[in-house]
Amino acid sequence: MKKITVIGAPMWLGQSKIGTQLGPDAIREAGLMTHLQSKSIDIVDSGNSDMEFTEPCYCTTDINCTIRNLEAVRDSVERLALIVSEVVISGRFPLILGGDHSIAIGTLAGIAKHYHNLGVIWYDAHADSNTGETSPSGNIQGMPLAASIGVGHSDLIEVGGYKNKVQAEHIVLIGVRDMDPGEQEFIYRKQIKIFTSEDVYRIGIGNVIDETVSYLASKCDGIHLSYDLDVVDPKDSCGVGTPVDCGIYLEQNIEAMKLLAKYNVITSAEFVEVNPLLDKNGKTVDATIALIRALLAN
């Protein structure tokens, strides 16, 4: 029987549109726990991690810093890292509900130290590999992957008290279709394996997942899934802050989750960027529950 602990991470300061802090509770209220309990899953809800809620600002300790809300996000993800680490130590599967994607800095800080070589499947329309120097917006939601590799501002790369949570060769990006120039250079320089949304349509989601698992499973002792709902085509998932057209349809994403469940290689997961204030008739919230069910309740 799967033993899952749900952790809410109601963060919005990693980006510019208020609302993602409502995501965790919206997913719960739509019946996530009931759906998983119906599959005889041992599931515990640990509530929400304490996240900063303040007026957006640039960091105050460095007048040259161009990163928005650095201190507030750093403090928030430090607390999240502690909670996630405790769940891993207890032998349970951490399921983190975001919140914007900046929470992944804390999630990976809490998980990676318990593995020798943690793998990461980064399911996202964006590469999230900017730094303060390359980011056009200064939003930390676009920096968590780079920070987790050990590239970026010291306040972000040292969350959890250590650097280099993940090695570049242990990462696979899926669904990417919108990269800034700095991210393109970063992905190329680090030689990170990537499947764009075009690749998914060209070779099929089944082949993408097969190749991903084959690439990671032989060299990683755990695999974390970081799933941003903006990877889904906006027709199926409109309640996100940074929608990108020509995405992967929900049915294909559900198929991907079922395949990952069949391989039984995912050891932790987070689902992020659900913004109920931008959603229509709960469509994105419902899509999130369908994806989680496909991954964990099959």
C-alpha atoms as a PDB file:
ATOM      1  CA  MET A   1       0.000   0.000   0.000  1.00  0.00           C
ATOM      2  CA  LYS A   2       1.292   3.462  -0.892  1.00  0.00           C
ATOM      3  CA  LYS A   3       1.907   5.742   2.085  1.00  0.00           C
ATOM      4  CA  ILE A   4       1.467   9.361   1.013  1.00  0.00           C
ATOM      5  CA  THR A   5       1.737  12.610   2.926  1.00  0.00           C
ATOM      6  CA  VAL A   6       0.206  15.699   1.341  1.00  0.00           C
ATOM      7  CA  ILE A   7       1.967  19.015   1.960  1.00  0.00           C
ATOM      8  CA  GLY A   8       0.467  22.300   0.849  1.00  0.00           C
ATOM      9  CA  ALA A   9       2.874  25.049  -0.241  1.00  0.00           C
ATOM     10  CA  PRO A  10       0.694  28.160  -0.775  1.00  0.00           C
ATOM     11  CA  MET A  11       3.294  30.373  -2.420  1.00  0.00           C
ATOM     12  CA  TRP A  12       2.670  33.171  -4.903  1.00  0.00           C
ATOM     13  CA  LEU A  13       5.630  35.519  -4.449  1.00  0.00           C
ATOM     14  CA  GLY A  14       7.760  33.569  -6.926  1.00  0.00           C
ATOM     15  CA  GLN A  15       5.788  35.170  -9.749  1.00  0.00           C
ATOM     16  CA  SER A  16       3.596  38.197 -10.388  1.00  0.00           C
ATOM     17  CA  LYS A  17      -0.029  37.040 -10.364  1.00  0.00           C
ATOM     18  CA  ILE A  18      -1.739  36.550  -7.042  1.00  0.00           C
ATOM     19  CA  GLY A  19      -3.781  33.378  -6.731  1.00  0.00           C
ATOM     20  CA  THR A  20      -1.417  30.407  -6.697  1.00  0.00           C
ATOM     21  CA  GLN A  21      -1.436  30.550  -2.897  1.00  0.00           C
ATOM     22  CA  LEU A  22      -5.039  29.311  -3.169  1.00  0.00           C
ATOM     23  CA  GLY A  23      -4.065  26.255  -5.204  1.00  0.00           C
ATOM     24  CA  PRO A  24      -3.419  23.701  -2.429  1.00  0.00           C
ATOM     25  CA  ASP A  25      -6.721  24.252  -0.664  1.00  0.00           C
ATOM     26  CA  ALA A  26      -8.664  24.384  -3.937  1.00  0.00           C
ATOM     27  CA  ILE A  27      -7.264  20.977  -4.896  1.00  0.00           C
ATOM     28  CA  ARG A  28      -8.179  19.581  -1.496  1.00  0.00           C
ATOM     29  CA  GLU A  29     -11.685  21.051  -1.582  1.00  0.00           C
ATOM     30  CA  ALA A  30     -12.282  19.470  -5.000  1.00  0.00           C
ATOM     31  CA  GLY A  31     -11.899  16.045  -3.394  1.00  0.00           C
ATOM     32  CA  LEU A  32      -8.272  14.975  -3.745  1.00  0.00           C
ATOM     33  CA  MET A  33      -8.158  13.138  -0.426  1.00  0.00           C
ATOM     34  CA  THR A  34     -11.416  11.301  -1.054  1.00  0.00           C
ATOM     35  CA  HIS A  35     -10.285  10.187  -4.491  1.00  0.00           C
ATOM     36  CA  LEU A  36      -7.041   8.747  -3.167  1.00  0.00           C
ATOM     37  CA  GLN A  37      -8.582   7.185  -0.062  1.00  0.00           C
ATOM     38  CA  SER A  38     -11.075   5.371  -2.283  1.00  0.00           C
ATOM     39  CA  LYS A  39      -8.121   3.483  -3.765  1.00  0.00           C
ATOM     40  CA  SER A  40      -7.103   2.162  -0.338  1.00  0.00           C
ATOM     41  CA  ILE A  41      -4.139   4.503  -0.196  1.00  0.00           C
ATOM     42  CA  ASP A  42      -2.708   5.377   3.206  1.00  0.00           C
ATOM     43  CA  ILE A  43      -2.824   9.150   2.876  1.00  0.00           C
ATOM     44  CA  VAL A  44      -2.220  11.834   5.482  1.00  0.00           C
ATOM     45  CA  ASP A  45      -2.719  15.563   5.036  1.00  0.00           C
ATOM     46  CA  SER A  46      -0.075  17.501   6.963  1.00  0.00           C
ATOM     47  CA  GLY A  47      -1.667  20.851   6.144  1.00  0.00           C
ATOM     48  CA  ASN A  48       0.091  23.826   4.626  1.00  0.00           C
ATOM     49  CA  SER A  49       3.686  24.888   5.106  1.00  0.00           C
ATOM     50  CA  ASP A  50       4.012  28.439   6.392  1.00  0.00           C
ATOM     51  CA  MET A  51       4.643  30.696   3.401  1.00  0.00           C
ATOM     52  CA  GLU A  52       5.451  34.386   3.486  1.00  0.00           C
ATOM     53  CA  PHE A  53       2.663  36.693   2.358  1.00  0.00           C
ATOM     54  CA  THR A  54       3.938  40.199   1.814  1.00  0.00           C
ATOM     55  CA  GLU A  55       3.880  43.012  -0.684  1.00  0.00           C
ATOM     56  CA  PRO A  56       5.983  42.181  -3.771  1.00  0.00           C
ATOM     57  CA  CYS A  57       9.400  43.809  -3.670  1.00  0.00           C
ATOM     58  CA  TYR A  58      12.993  43.390  -4.741  1.00  0.00           C
ATOM     59  CA  CYS A  59      15.427  42.086  -2.151  1.00  0.00           C
ATOM     60  CA  THR A  60      16.546  44.683   0.376  1.00  0.00           C
ATOM     61  CA  THR A  61      20.004  43.364   1.257  1.00  0.00           C
ATOM     62  CA  ASP A  62      21.560  44.047  -2.149  1.00  0.00           C
ATOM     63  CA  ILE A  63      20.702  47.171  -4.123  1.00  0.00           C
ATOM     64  CA  ASN A  64      21.978  45.518  -7.292  1.00  0.00           C
ATOM     65  CA  CYS A  65      19.721  42.478  -6.939  1.00  0.00           C
ATOM     66  CA  THR A  66      17.089  42.089  -9.665  1.00  0.00           C
ATOM     67  CA  ILE A  67      15.331  39.096  -8.132  1.00  0.00           C
ATOM     68  CA  ARG A  68      11.804  39.758  -6.906  1.00  0.00           C
ATOM     69  CA  ASN A  69      10.827  38.771  -3.345  1.00  0.00           C
ATOM     70  CA  LEU A  70      14.112  36.951  -2.761  1.00  0.00           C
ATOM     71  CA  GLU A  71      14.093  37.034   1.022  1.00  0.00           C
ATOM     72  CA  ALA A  72      10.440  36.075   1.422  1.00  0.00           C
ATOM     73  CA  VAL A  73      10.707  33.175  -1.016  1.00  0.00           C
ATOM     74  CA  ARG A  74      13.985  31.985   0.512  1.00  0.00           C
ATOM     75  CA  ASP A  75      12.527  31.908   4.023  1.00  0.00           C
ATOM     76  CA  SER A  76       9.402  30.131   2.802  1.00  0.00           C
ATOM     77  CA  VAL A  77      11.182  27.381   0.898  1.00  0.00           C
ATOM     78  CA  GLU A  78      13.600  26.829   3.797  1.00  0.00           C
ATOM     79  CA  ARG A  79      10.613  25.935   5.981  1.00  0.00           C
ATOM     80  CA  LEU A  80       9.148  23.748   3.254  1.00  0.00           C
ATOM     81  CA  ALA A  81      12.454  21.871   2.914  1.00  0.00           C
ATOM     82  CA  LEU A  82      12.343  20.905   6.584  1.00  0.00           C
ATOM     83  CA  ILE A  83       8.804  19.536   6.328  1.00  0.00           C
ATOM     84  CA  VAL A  84       9.519  17.586   3.160  1.00  0.00           C
ATOM     85  CA  SER A  85      12.686  16.125   4.677  1.00  0.00           C
ATOM     86  CA  GLU A  86      10.752  14.872   7.700  1.00  0.00           C
ATOM     87  CA  VAL A  87       8.260  13.123   5.433  1.00  0.00           C
ATOM     88  CA  VAL A  88      11.043  11.387   3.508  1.00  0.00           C
ATOM     89  CA  ILE A  89      12.684  10.292   6.774  1.00  0.00           C
ATOM     90  CA  SER A  90       9.369   8.798   7.895  1.00  0.00           C
ATOM     91  CA  GLY A  91       9.362   6.562   4.825  1.00  0.00           C
ATOM     92  CA  ARG A  92       6.316   8.188   3.240  1.00  0.00           C
ATOM     93  CA  PHE A  93       5.824   9.588  -0.266  1.00  0.00           C
ATOM     94  CA  PRO A  94       5.798  13.423  -0.254  1.00  0.00           C
ATOM     95  CA  LEU A  95       3.055  14.905  -2.446  1.00  0.00           C
ATOM     96  CA  ILE A  96       3.465  18.675  -2.513  1.00  0.00           C
ATOM     97  CA  LEU A  97       0.702  20.952  -3.784  1.00  0.00           C
ATOM     98  CA  GLY A  98       1.700  24.425  -5.006  1.00  0.00           C
ATOM     99  CA  GLY A  99       1.882  27.288  -5.056  1.00  0.00           C
ATOM    100  CA  ASP A 100       4.083  28.678  -7.799  1.00  0.00           C
ATOM    101  CA  HIS A 101       7.082  26.729  -9.072  1.00  0.00           C
ATOM    102  CA  SER A 102       9.577  28.513  -6.828  1.00  0.00           C
ATOM    103  CA  ILE A 103       8.556  25.979  -4.150  1.00  0.00           C
ATOM    104  CA  ALA A 104      10.563  23.330  -6.016  1.00  0.00           C
ATOM    105  CA  ILE A 105      13.715  24.866  -4.538  1.00  0.00           C
ATOM    106  CA  GLY A 106      12.478  23.839  -1.097  1.00  0.00           C
ATOM    107  CA  THR A 107      11.032  20.540  -2.241  1.00  0.00           C
ATOM    108  CA  LEU A 108      14.293  19.379  -3.799  1.00  0.00           C
ATOM    109  CA  ALA A 109      16.325  20.675  -0.858  1.00  0.00           C
ATOM    110  CA  GLY A 110      14.229  18.504   1.441  1.00  0.00           C
ATOM    111  CA  ILE A 111      14.399  15.410  -0.757  1.00  0.00           C
ATOM    112  CA  ALA A 112      17.787  15.275  -2.475  1.00  0.00           C
ATOM    113  CA  LYS A 113      19.919  14.853   0.651  1.00  0.00           C
ATOM    114  CA  HIS A 114      18.240  11.513   1.270  1.00  0.00           C
ATOM    115  CA  TYR A 115      19.402  10.095  -2.075  1.00  0.00           C
ATOM    116  CA  HIS A 116      22.819   9.487  -3.564  1.00  0.00           C
ATOM    117  CA  ASN A 117      21.698  10.485  -7.075  1.00  0.00           C
ATOM    118  CA  LEU A 118      18.228  11.968  -7.270  1.00  0.00           C
ATOM    119  CA  GLY A 119      16.662  12.114 -10.724  1.00  0.00           C
ATOM    120  CA  VAL A 120      14.159  14.789 -11.694  1.00  0.00           C
ATOM    121  CA  ILE A 121      11.452  14.801 -14.345  1.00  0.00           C
ATOM    122  CA  TRP A 122      10.630  18.465 -14.926  1.00  0.00           C
ATOM    123  CA  TYR A 123       7.258  18.564 -16.674  1.00  0.00           C
ATOM    124  CA  ASP A 124       6.776  22.175 -17.741  1.00  0.00           C
ATOM    125  CA  ALA A 125       6.111  24.546 -20.627  1.00  0.00           C
ATOM    126  CA  HIS A 126       9.180  26.477 -19.455  1.00  0.00           C
ATOM    127  CA  ALA A 127      12.751  25.479 -18.657  1.00  0.00           C
ATOM    128  CA  ASP A 128      12.853  27.353 -15.301  1.00  0.00           C
ATOM    129  CA  SER A 129      16.621  27.701 -15.715  1.00  0.00           C
ATOM    130  CA  ASN A 130      17.112  31.436 -15.413  1.00  0.00           C
ATOM    131  CA  THR A 131      19.249  33.269 -12.885  1.00  0.00           C
ATOM    132  CA  GLY A 132      19.053  36.837 -11.672  1.00  0.00           C
ATOM    133  CA  GLU A 133      21.351  37.804 -14.517  1.00  0.00           C
ATOM    134  CA  THR A 134      19.379  36.123 -17.315  1.00  0.00           C
ATOM    135  CA  SER A 135      15.769  36.460 -16.155  1.00  0.00           C
ATOM    136  CA  PRO A 136      13.701  39.092 -18.012  1.00  0.00           C
ATOM    137  CA  SER A 137      11.212  39.269 -15.108  1.00  0.00           C
ATOM    138  CA  GLY A 138      13.211  38.592 -11.950  1.00  0.00           C
ATOM    139  CA  ASN A 139      10.585  36.028 -10.935  1.00  0.00           C
ATOM    140  CA  ILE A 140      11.944  33.088  -8.940  1.00  0.00           C
ATOM    141  CA  GLN A 141       9.373  30.762 -10.507  1.00  0.00           C
ATOM    142  CA  GLY A 142      11.686  30.804 -13.544  1.00  0.00           C
ATOM    143  CA  MET A 143      14.813  29.884 -11.555  1.00  0.00           C
ATOM    144  CA  PRO A 144      14.227  26.709  -9.484  1.00  0.00           C
ATOM    145  CA  LEU A 145      15.866  24.211 -11.826  1.00  0.00           C
ATOM    146  CA  ALA A 146      19.036  26.268 -12.193  1.00  0.00           C
ATOM    147  CA  ALA A 147      19.128  26.909  -8.447  1.00  0.00           C
ATOM    148  CA  SER A 148      18.761  23.208  -7.682  1.00  0.00           C
ATOM    149  CA  ILE A 149      21.712  22.426  -9.944  1.00  0.00           C
ATOM    150  CA  GLY A 150      23.726  25.020  -8.026  1.00  0.00           C
ATOM    151  CA  VAL A 151      23.573  28.002 -10.376  1.00  0.00           C
ATOM    152  CA  GLY A 152      22.175  31.341  -9.272  1.00  0.00           C
ATOM    153  CA  HIS A 153      21.931  33.564  -6.227  1.00  0.00           C
ATOM    154  CA  SER A 154      23.497  32.119  -3.069  1.00  0.00           C
ATOM    155  CA  ASP A 155      20.251  32.540  -1.124  1.00  0.00           C
ATOM    156  CA  LEU A 156      18.549  30.156  -3.539  1.00  0.00           C
ATOM    157  CA  ILE A 157      21.264  27.599  -4.237  1.00  0.00           C
ATOM    158  CA  GLU A 158      22.053  27.120  -0.532  1.00  0.00           C
ATOM    159  CA  VAL A 159      18.507  26.403   0.674  1.00  0.00           C
ATOM    160  CA  GLY A 160      18.579  23.472   3.058  1.00  0.00           C
ATOM    161  CA  GLY A 161      22.174  24.199   3.995  1.00  0.00           C
ATOM    162  CA  TYR A 162      23.802  22.593   0.978  1.00  0.00           C
ATOM    163  CA  LYS A 163      24.310  23.139  -2.744  1.00  0.00           C
ATOM    164  CA  ASN A 164      23.960  21.056  -5.890  1.00  0.00           C
ATOM    165  CA  LYS A 165      20.817  19.111  -5.079  1.00  0.00           C
ATOM    166  CA  VAL A 166      20.654  17.562  -8.533  1.00  0.00           C
ATOM    167  CA  GLN A 167      23.159  16.860 -11.281  1.00  0.00           C
ATOM    168  CA  ALA A 168      22.356  18.128 -14.770  1.00  0.00           C
ATOM    169  CA  GLU A 169      22.690  14.628 -16.249  1.00  0.00           C
ATOM    170  CA  HIS A 170      19.976  13.405 -13.877  1.00  0.00           C
ATOM    171  CA  ILE A 171      17.300  15.757 -15.223  1.00  0.00           C
ATOM    172  CA  VAL A 172      14.779  15.353 -18.031  1.00  0.00           C
ATOM    173  CA  LEU A 173      12.608  18.243 -19.216  1.00  0.00           C
ATOM    174  CA  ILE A 174       9.288  17.339 -20.855  1.00  0.00           C
ATOM    175  CA  GLY A 175       6.841  19.597 -22.682  1.00  0.00           C
ATOM    176  CA  VAL A 176       9.015  22.700 -22.914  1.00  0.00           C
ATOM    177  CA  ARG A 177       8.022  25.212 -25.583  1.00  0.00           C
ATOM    178  CA  ASP A 178       8.929  28.644 -24.222  1.00  0.00           C
ATOM    179  CA  MET A 179      12.553  29.356 -23.287  1.00  0.00           C
ATOM    180  CA  ASP A 180      14.396  32.607 -22.737  1.00  0.00           C
ATOM    181  CA  PRO A 181      17.776  32.990 -24.494  1.00  0.00           C
ATOM    182  CA  GLY A 182      19.656  32.516 -21.234  1.00  0.00           C
ATOM    183  CA  GLU A 183      17.777  29.302 -20.570  1.00  0.00           C
ATOM    184  CA  GLN A 184      18.526  27.962 -24.026  1.00  0.00           C
ATOM    185  CA  GLU A 185      22.220  28.565 -23.475  1.00  0.00           C
ATOM    186  CA  PHE A 186      22.032  27.001 -19.998  1.00  0.00           C
ATOM    187  CA  ILE A 187      20.288  23.840 -21.212  1.00  0.00           C
ATOM    188  CA  TYR A 188      22.786  23.482 -24.061  1.00  0.00           C
ATOM    189  CA  ARG A 189      25.826  24.134 -21.866  1.00  0.00           C
ATOM    190  CA  LYS A 190      24.676  21.722 -19.148  1.00  0.00           C
ATOM    191  CA  GLN A 191      23.574  19.164 -21.773  1.00  0.00           C
ATOM    192  CA  ILE A 192      20.249  18.607 -20.039  1.00  0.00           C
ATOM    193  CA  LYS A 193      18.016  16.089 -21.772  1.00  0.00           C
ATOM    194  CA  ILE A 194      14.901  17.755 -23.121  1.00  0.00           C
ATOM    195  CA  PHE A 195      11.718  16.717 -24.921  1.00  0.00           C
ATOM    196  CA  THR A 196       9.843  19.720 -26.288  1.00  0.00           C
ATOM    197  CA  SER A 197       6.109  19.629 -26.865  1.00  0.00           C
ATOM    198  CA  GLU A 198       6.930  19.153 -30.554  1.00  0.00           C
ATOM    199  CA  ASP A 199       8.967  16.078 -29.643  1.00  0.00           C
ATOM    200  CA  VAL A 200       5.997  14.678 -27.743  1.00  0.00           C
ATOM    201  CA  TYR A 201       3.782  15.022 -30.787  1.00  0.00           C
ATOM    202  CA  ARG A 202       6.480  13.731 -33.113  1.00  0.00           C
ATOM    203  CA  ILE A 203       7.434  10.518 -31.295  1.00  0.00           C
ATOM    204  CA  GLY A 204       4.463  10.059 -28.960  1.00  0.00           C
ATOM    205  CA  ILE A 205       4.137  10.441 -25.210  1.00  0.00           C
ATOM    206  CA  GLY A 206       4.695   6.735 -24.659  1.00  0.00           C
ATOM    207  CA  ASN A 207       8.122   6.846 -26.279  1.00  0.00           C
ATOM    208  CA  VAL A 208       8.996  10.024 -24.361  1.00  0.00           C
ATOM    209  CA  ILE A 209       8.210   8.373 -21.021  1.00  0.00           C
ATOM    210  CA  ASP A 210       9.970   5.152 -21.998  1.00  0.00           C
ATOM    211  CA  GLU A 211      13.122   7.063 -22.949  1.00  0.00           C
ATOM    212  CA  THR A 212      12.920   9.226 -19.840  1.00  0.00           C
ATOM    213  CA  VAL A 213      12.657   6.299 -17.457  1.00  0.00           C
ATOM    214  CA  SER A 214      15.393   4.398 -19.292  1.00  0.00           C
ATOM    215  CA  TYR A 215      17.669   7.450 -19.106  1.00  0.00           C
ATOM    216  CA  LEU A 216      17.162   8.039 -15.370  1.00  0.00           C
ATOM    217  CA  ALA A 217      16.402   4.712 -13.731  1.00  0.00           C
ATOM    218  CA  SER A 218      19.794   3.113 -14.309  1.00  0.00           C
ATOM    219  CA  LYS A 219      21.741   5.921 -12.621  1.00  0.00           C
ATOM    220  CA  CYS A 220      19.331   7.365 -10.052  1.00  0.00           C
ATOM    221  CA  ASP A 221      18.169   5.871  -6.754  1.00  0.00           C
ATOM    222  CA  GLY A 222      15.055   8.044  -6.664  1.00  0.00           C
ATOM    223  CA  ILE A 223      13.088  10.149  -9.158  1.00  0.00           C
ATOM    224  CA  HIS A 224      11.172  13.305  -8.279  1.00  0.00           C
ATOM    225  CA  LEU A 225       8.366  14.534 -10.531  1.00  0.00           C
ATOM    226  CA  SER A 226       7.978  18.313 -10.687  1.00  0.00           C
ATOM    227  CA  TYR A 227       4.789  18.984 -12.631  1.00  0.00           C
ATOM    228  CA  ASP A 228       3.745  22.486 -13.701  1.00  0.00           C
ATOM    229  CA  LEU A 229       0.146  22.645 -14.921  1.00  0.00           C
ATOM    230  CA  ASP A 230       1.122  25.088 -17.659  1.00  0.00           C
ATOM    231  CA  VAL A 231       2.612  22.150 -19.570  1.00  0.00           C
ATOM    232  CA  VAL A 232      -0.974  21.199 -20.394  1.00  0.00           C
ATOM    233  CA  ASP A 233      -2.478  22.955 -23.397  1.00  0.00           C
ATOM    234  CA  PRO A 234      -4.449  26.041 -22.233  1.00  0.00           C
ATOM    235  CA  LYS A 235      -7.611  24.556 -23.721  1.00  0.00           C
ATOM    236  CA  ASP A 236      -7.462  21.937 -20.974  1.00  0.00           C
ATOM    237  CA  SER A 237      -5.751  23.960 -18.239  1.00  0.00           C
ATOM    238  CA  CYS A 238      -6.433  27.691 -18.302  1.00  0.00           C
ATOM    239  CA  GLY A 239      -5.958  28.383 -14.592  1.00  0.00           C
ATOM    240  CA  VAL A 240      -2.223  29.087 -14.680  1.00  0.00           C
ATOM    241  CA  GLY A 241      -0.267  32.334 -14.644  1.00  0.00           C
ATOM    242  CA  THR A 242       1.893  31.718 -17.714  1.00  0.00           C
ATOM    243  CA  PRO A 243      -0.101  29.716 -20.274  1.00  0.00           C
ATOM    244  CA  VAL A 244       1.638  28.769 -23.508  1.00  0.00           C
ATOM    245  CA  ASP A 245      -0.222  27.658 -26.636  1.00  0.00           C
ATOM    246  CA  CYS A 246       0.474  24.405 -28.492  1.00  0.00           C
ATOM    247  CA  GLY A 247       0.828  22.392 -25.321  1.00  0.00           C
ATOM    248  CA  ILE A 248       0.293  18.743 -24.514  1.00  0.00           C
ATOM    249  CA  TYR A 249      -3.359  17.785 -24.232  1.00  0.00           C
ATOM    250  CA  LEU A 250      -4.650  16.559 -20.896  1.00  0.00           C
ATOM    251  CA  GLU A 251      -5.344  13.047 -22.182  1.00  0.00           C
ATOM    252  CA  GLN A 252      -1.696  12.648 -23.186  1.00  0.00           C
ATOM    253  CA  ASN A 253      -0.533  13.926 -19.820  1.00  0.00           C
ATOM    254  CA  ILE A 254      -2.779  11.470 -18.019  1.00  0.00           C
ATOM    255  CA  GLU A 255      -1.372   8.692 -20.187  1.00  0.00           C
ATOM    256  CA  ALA A 256       2.126   9.810 -19.186  1.00  0.00           C
ATOM    257  CA  MET A 257       1.226   9.662 -15.479  1.00  0.00           C
ATOM    258  CA  LYS A 258      -0.217   6.180 -15.898  1.00  0.00           C
ATOM    259  CA  LEU A 259       2.969   5.036 -17.608  1.00  0.00           C
ATOM    260  CA  LEU A 260       5.087   6.463 -14.790  1.00  0.00           C
ATOM    261  CA  ALA A 261       2.844   4.652 -12.316  1.00  0.00           C
ATOM    262  CA  LYS A 262       3.348   1.424 -14.227  1.00  0.00           C
ATOM    263  CA  TYR A 263       7.124   1.830 -14.085  1.00  0.00           C
ATOM    264  CA  ASN A 264       6.834   2.538 -10.338  1.00  0.00           C
ATOM    265  CA  VAL A 265       9.915   4.781 -10.269  1.00  0.00           C
ATOM    266  CA  ILE A 266       8.535   8.062  -8.893  1.00  0.00           C
ATOM    267  CA  THR A 267       9.518   8.547  -5.253  1.00  0.00           C
ATOM    268  CA  SER A 268       8.110  12.057  -4.697  1.00  0.00           C
ATOM    269  CA  ALA A 269       6.024  14.555  -6.636  1.00  0.00           C
ATOM    270  CA  GLU A 270       4.786  18.115  -6.695  1.00  0.00           C
ATOM    271  CA  PHE A 271       2.040  19.730  -8.744  1.00  0.00           C
ATOM    272  CA  VAL A 272       2.341  23.496  -9.053  1.00  0.00           C
ATOM    273  CA  GLU A 273       1.062  26.748 -10.573  1.00  0.00           C
ATOM    274  CA  VAL A 274      -2.668  26.091 -10.157  1.00  0.00           C
ATOM    275  CA  ASN A 275      -4.314  29.510  -9.872  1.00  0.00           C
ATOM    276  CA  PRO A 276      -8.021  29.226  -8.990  1.00  0.00           C
ATOM    277  CA  LEU A 277      -8.532  32.950  -9.667  1.00  0.00           C
ATOM    278  CA  LEU A 278      -7.683  32.355 -13.337  1.00  0.00           C
ATOM    279  CA  ASP A 279      -9.468  29.018 -13.650  1.00  0.00           C
ATOM    280  CA  LYS A 280     -12.799  28.433 -15.370  1.00  0.00           C
ATOM    281  CA  ASN A 281     -15.333  26.175 -13.687  1.00  0.00           C
ATOM    282  CA  GLY A 282     -12.567  24.430 -11.760  1.00  0.00           C
ATOM    283  CA  LYS A 283     -11.178  22.918 -14.954  1.00  0.00           C
ATOM    284  CA  THR A 284      -7.510  23.193 -13.991  1.00  0.00           C
ATOM    285  CA  VAL A 285      -8.131  21.988 -10.440  1.00  0.00           C
ATOM    286  CA  ASP A 286      -9.994  18.966 -11.794  1.00  0.00           C
ATOM    287  CA  ALA A 287      -7.181  18.313 -14.270  1.00  0.00           C
ATOM    288  CA  THR A 288      -4.686  18.334 -11.405  1.00  0.00           C
ATOM    289  CA  ILE A 289      -6.663  15.747  -9.470  1.00  0.00           C
ATOM    290  CA  ALA A 290      -6.975  13.577 -12.579  1.00  0.00           C
ATOM    291  CA  LEU A 291      -3.198  13.701 -13.069  1.00  0.00           C
ATOM    292  CA  ILE A 292      -2.468  12.860  -9.438  1.00  0.00           C
ATOM    293  CA  ARG A 293      -4.928   9.996  -9.521  1.00  0.00           C
ATOM    294  CA  ALA A 294      -3.312   8.635 -12.682  1.00  0.00           C
ATOM    295  CA  LEU A 295       0.107   8.756 -11.034  1.00  0.00           C
ATOM    296  CA  LEU A 296      -0.770   7.472  -7.578  1.00  0.00           C
ATOM    297  CA  ALA A 297      -4.115   5.696  -7.637  1.00  0.00           C
ATOM    298  CA  ASN A 298      -3.713   3.147 -10.437  1.00  0.00           C
END
